[in-house]
Amino acid sequence: MKENNKSEFDGTILDVRTSEDFSENHLVNATNIPLHEIPSNLDDIKYLSQPIVVFCASGSRSKQAHFYLKEMGIETINRGSWQELSNN
């Protein structure tokens, strides 16, 4: 497992990639809830530290997660690709 040591967020970093992708490389302190598991984890997500910053590999899944969570009354920030975050 490789971790990227850059973590500048005060809230929760929510990685919605697959567990396999997450285990290969991820940001330090990121919480992994794959996109398809978000509906069954809504109660847990509601209690994550704010702000909740959502990202994935390319930005597509994070966009889906962002809009779904918004519909469920959970505010998030869509940051797109984790690779863009790790290169900042």
C-alpha atoms as a PDB file:
ATOM      1  CA  MET A   1       0.000   0.000   0.000  1.00  0.00           C
ATOM      2  CA  LYS A   2       1.239   3.441  -0.881  1.00  0.00           C
ATOM      3  CA  GLU A   3      -0.012   6.510   0.956  1.00  0.00           C
ATOM      4  CA  ASN A   4       0.334  10.061  -0.189  1.00  0.00           C
ATOM      5  CA  ASN A   5       1.269  12.226   2.798  1.00  0.00           C
ATOM      6  CA  LYS A   6      -0.466  15.386   1.614  1.00  0.00           C
ATOM      7  CA  SER A   7      -3.628  16.012   3.589  1.00  0.00           C
ATOM      8  CA  GLU A   8      -4.602  19.652   4.027  1.00  0.00           C
ATOM      9  CA  PHE A   9      -8.305  19.263   4.835  1.00  0.00           C
ATOM     10  CA  ASP A  10      -9.816  19.878   8.258  1.00  0.00           C
ATOM     11  CA  GLY A  11     -12.881  17.747   7.544  1.00  0.00           C
ATOM     12  CA  THR A  12     -13.253  14.294   6.036  1.00  0.00           C
ATOM     13  CA  ILE A  13     -11.586  13.143   2.842  1.00  0.00           C
ATOM     14  CA  LEU A  14     -14.033  10.656   1.293  1.00  0.00           C
ATOM     15  CA  ASP A  15     -12.516   8.432  -1.390  1.00  0.00           C
ATOM     16  CA  VAL A  16     -15.295   6.775  -3.435  1.00  0.00           C
ATOM     17  CA  ARG A  17     -13.020   4.530  -5.519  1.00  0.00           C
ATOM     18  CA  THR A  18     -13.142   0.761  -5.200  1.00  0.00           C
ATOM     19  CA  SER A  19     -11.521  -0.876  -2.182  1.00  0.00           C
ATOM     20  CA  GLU A  20      -8.935  -2.380  -4.517  1.00  0.00           C
ATOM     21  CA  ASP A  21      -7.956   1.006  -5.961  1.00  0.00           C
ATOM     22  CA  PHE A  22      -7.845   2.505  -2.477  1.00  0.00           C
ATOM     23  CA  SER A  23      -5.548  -0.249  -1.192  1.00  0.00           C
ATOM     24  CA  GLU A  24      -3.081   0.411  -4.033  1.00  0.00           C
ATOM     25  CA  ASN A  25      -2.676   4.121  -3.288  1.00  0.00           C
ATOM     26  CA  HIS A  26      -4.586   6.756  -1.329  1.00  0.00           C
ATOM     27  CA  LEU A  27      -4.306  10.012   0.542  1.00  0.00           C
ATOM     28  CA  VAL A  28      -3.381   9.799   4.221  1.00  0.00           C
ATOM     29  CA  ASN A  29      -6.437   9.924   6.501  1.00  0.00           C
ATOM     30  CA  ALA A  30      -8.852   9.325   3.623  1.00  0.00           C
ATOM     31  CA  THR A  31     -12.002   7.337   4.378  1.00  0.00           C
ATOM     32  CA  ASN A  32     -12.899   4.810   1.689  1.00  0.00           C
ATOM     33  CA  ILE A  33     -16.564   4.210   0.925  1.00  0.00           C
ATOM     34  CA  PRO A  34     -16.914   2.942  -2.646  1.00  0.00           C
ATOM     35  CA  LEU A  35     -19.598   4.705  -4.685  1.00  0.00           C
ATOM     36  CA  HIS A  36     -21.897   1.676  -4.800  1.00  0.00           C
ATOM     37  CA  GLU A  37     -21.791   1.412  -0.983  1.00  0.00           C
ATOM     38  CA  ILE A  38     -22.762   5.022  -0.257  1.00  0.00           C
ATOM     39  CA  PRO A  39     -26.536   4.406   0.003  1.00  0.00           C
ATOM     40  CA  SER A  40     -26.043   1.720   2.649  1.00  0.00           C
ATOM     41  CA  ASN A  41     -23.632   3.962   4.616  1.00  0.00           C
ATOM     42  CA  LEU A  42     -25.671   7.178   4.733  1.00  0.00           C
ATOM     43  CA  ASP A  43     -26.075   7.096   8.520  1.00  0.00           C
ATOM     44  CA  ASP A  44     -22.293   6.853   8.974  1.00  0.00           C
ATOM     45  CA  ILE A  45     -21.609   9.536   6.368  1.00  0.00           C
ATOM     46  CA  LYS A  46     -23.956  11.983   8.129  1.00  0.00           C
ATOM     47  CA  TYR A  47     -21.675  11.906  11.170  1.00  0.00           C
ATOM     48  CA  LEU A  48     -18.349  12.413   9.380  1.00  0.00           C
ATOM     49  CA  SER A  49     -16.415  15.575  10.210  1.00  0.00           C
ATOM     50  CA  GLN A  50     -17.356  18.530   8.021  1.00  0.00           C
ATOM     51  CA  PRO A  51     -16.570  19.521   5.391  1.00  0.00           C
ATOM     52  CA  ILE A  52     -16.747  16.243   3.515  1.00  0.00           C
ATOM     53  CA  VAL A  53     -14.474  16.383   0.479  1.00  0.00           C
ATOM     54  CA  VAL A  54     -15.334  13.710  -2.108  1.00  0.00           C
ATOM     55  CA  PHE A  55     -12.942  12.437  -4.756  1.00  0.00           C
ATOM     56  CA  CYS A  56     -12.157   9.404  -6.942  1.00  0.00           C
ATOM     57  CA  ALA A  57      -9.756   8.543  -9.771  1.00  0.00           C
ATOM     58  CA  SER A  58     -11.083  10.744 -12.588  1.00  0.00           C
ATOM     59  CA  GLY A  59     -13.851  12.823 -11.009  1.00  0.00           C
ATOM     60  CA  SER A  60     -16.800  10.914 -12.456  1.00  0.00           C
ATOM     61  CA  ARG A  61     -17.684   8.842  -9.376  1.00  0.00           C
ATOM     62  CA  SER A  62     -17.050  11.755  -7.029  1.00  0.00           C
ATOM     63  CA  LYS A  63     -19.501  13.858  -9.042  1.00  0.00           C
ATOM     64  CA  GLN A  64     -22.133  11.137  -8.742  1.00  0.00           C
ATOM     65  CA  ALA A  65     -21.489  10.782  -5.010  1.00  0.00           C
ATOM     66  CA  HIS A  66     -21.583  14.560  -4.505  1.00  0.00           C
ATOM     67  CA  PHE A  67     -24.987  14.966  -6.168  1.00  0.00           C
ATOM     68  CA  TYR A  68     -26.465  11.875  -4.484  1.00  0.00           C
ATOM     69  CA  LEU A  69     -25.319  13.009  -1.037  1.00  0.00           C
ATOM     70  CA  LYS A  70     -26.629  16.515  -1.729  1.00  0.00           C
ATOM     71  CA  GLU A  71     -30.047  15.014  -2.568  1.00  0.00           C
ATOM     72  CA  MET A  72     -29.888  13.166   0.755  1.00  0.00           C
ATOM     73  CA  GLY A  73     -29.212  16.434   2.611  1.00  0.00           C
ATOM     74  CA  ILE A  74     -25.484  15.911   3.134  1.00  0.00           C
ATOM     75  CA  GLU A  75     -23.277  18.768   1.965  1.00  0.00           C
ATOM     76  CA  THR A  76     -20.023  17.806   0.265  1.00  0.00           C
ATOM     77  CA  ILE A  77     -17.302  19.379  -1.825  1.00  0.00           C
ATOM     78  CA  ASN A  78     -16.506  17.553  -5.063  1.00  0.00           C
ATOM     79  CA  ARG A  79     -12.744  17.679  -5.640  1.00  0.00           C
ATOM     80  CA  GLY A  80     -12.645  15.298  -8.606  1.00  0.00           C
ATOM     81  CA  SER A  81      -9.451  13.310  -9.085  1.00  0.00           C
ATOM     82  CA  TRP A  82      -7.359  12.249  -6.065  1.00  0.00           C
ATOM     83  CA  GLN A  83      -4.287  12.484  -8.283  1.00  0.00           C
ATOM     84  CA  GLU A  84      -4.896  16.196  -8.758  1.00  0.00           C
ATOM     85  CA  LEU A  85      -5.138  16.583  -4.975  1.00  0.00           C
ATOM     86  CA  SER A  86      -1.938  14.613  -4.393  1.00  0.00           C
ATOM     87  CA  ASN A  87      -0.012  16.700  -6.918  1.00  0.00           C
ATOM     88  CA  ASN A  88      -0.914  20.065  -5.328  1.00  0.00           C
END
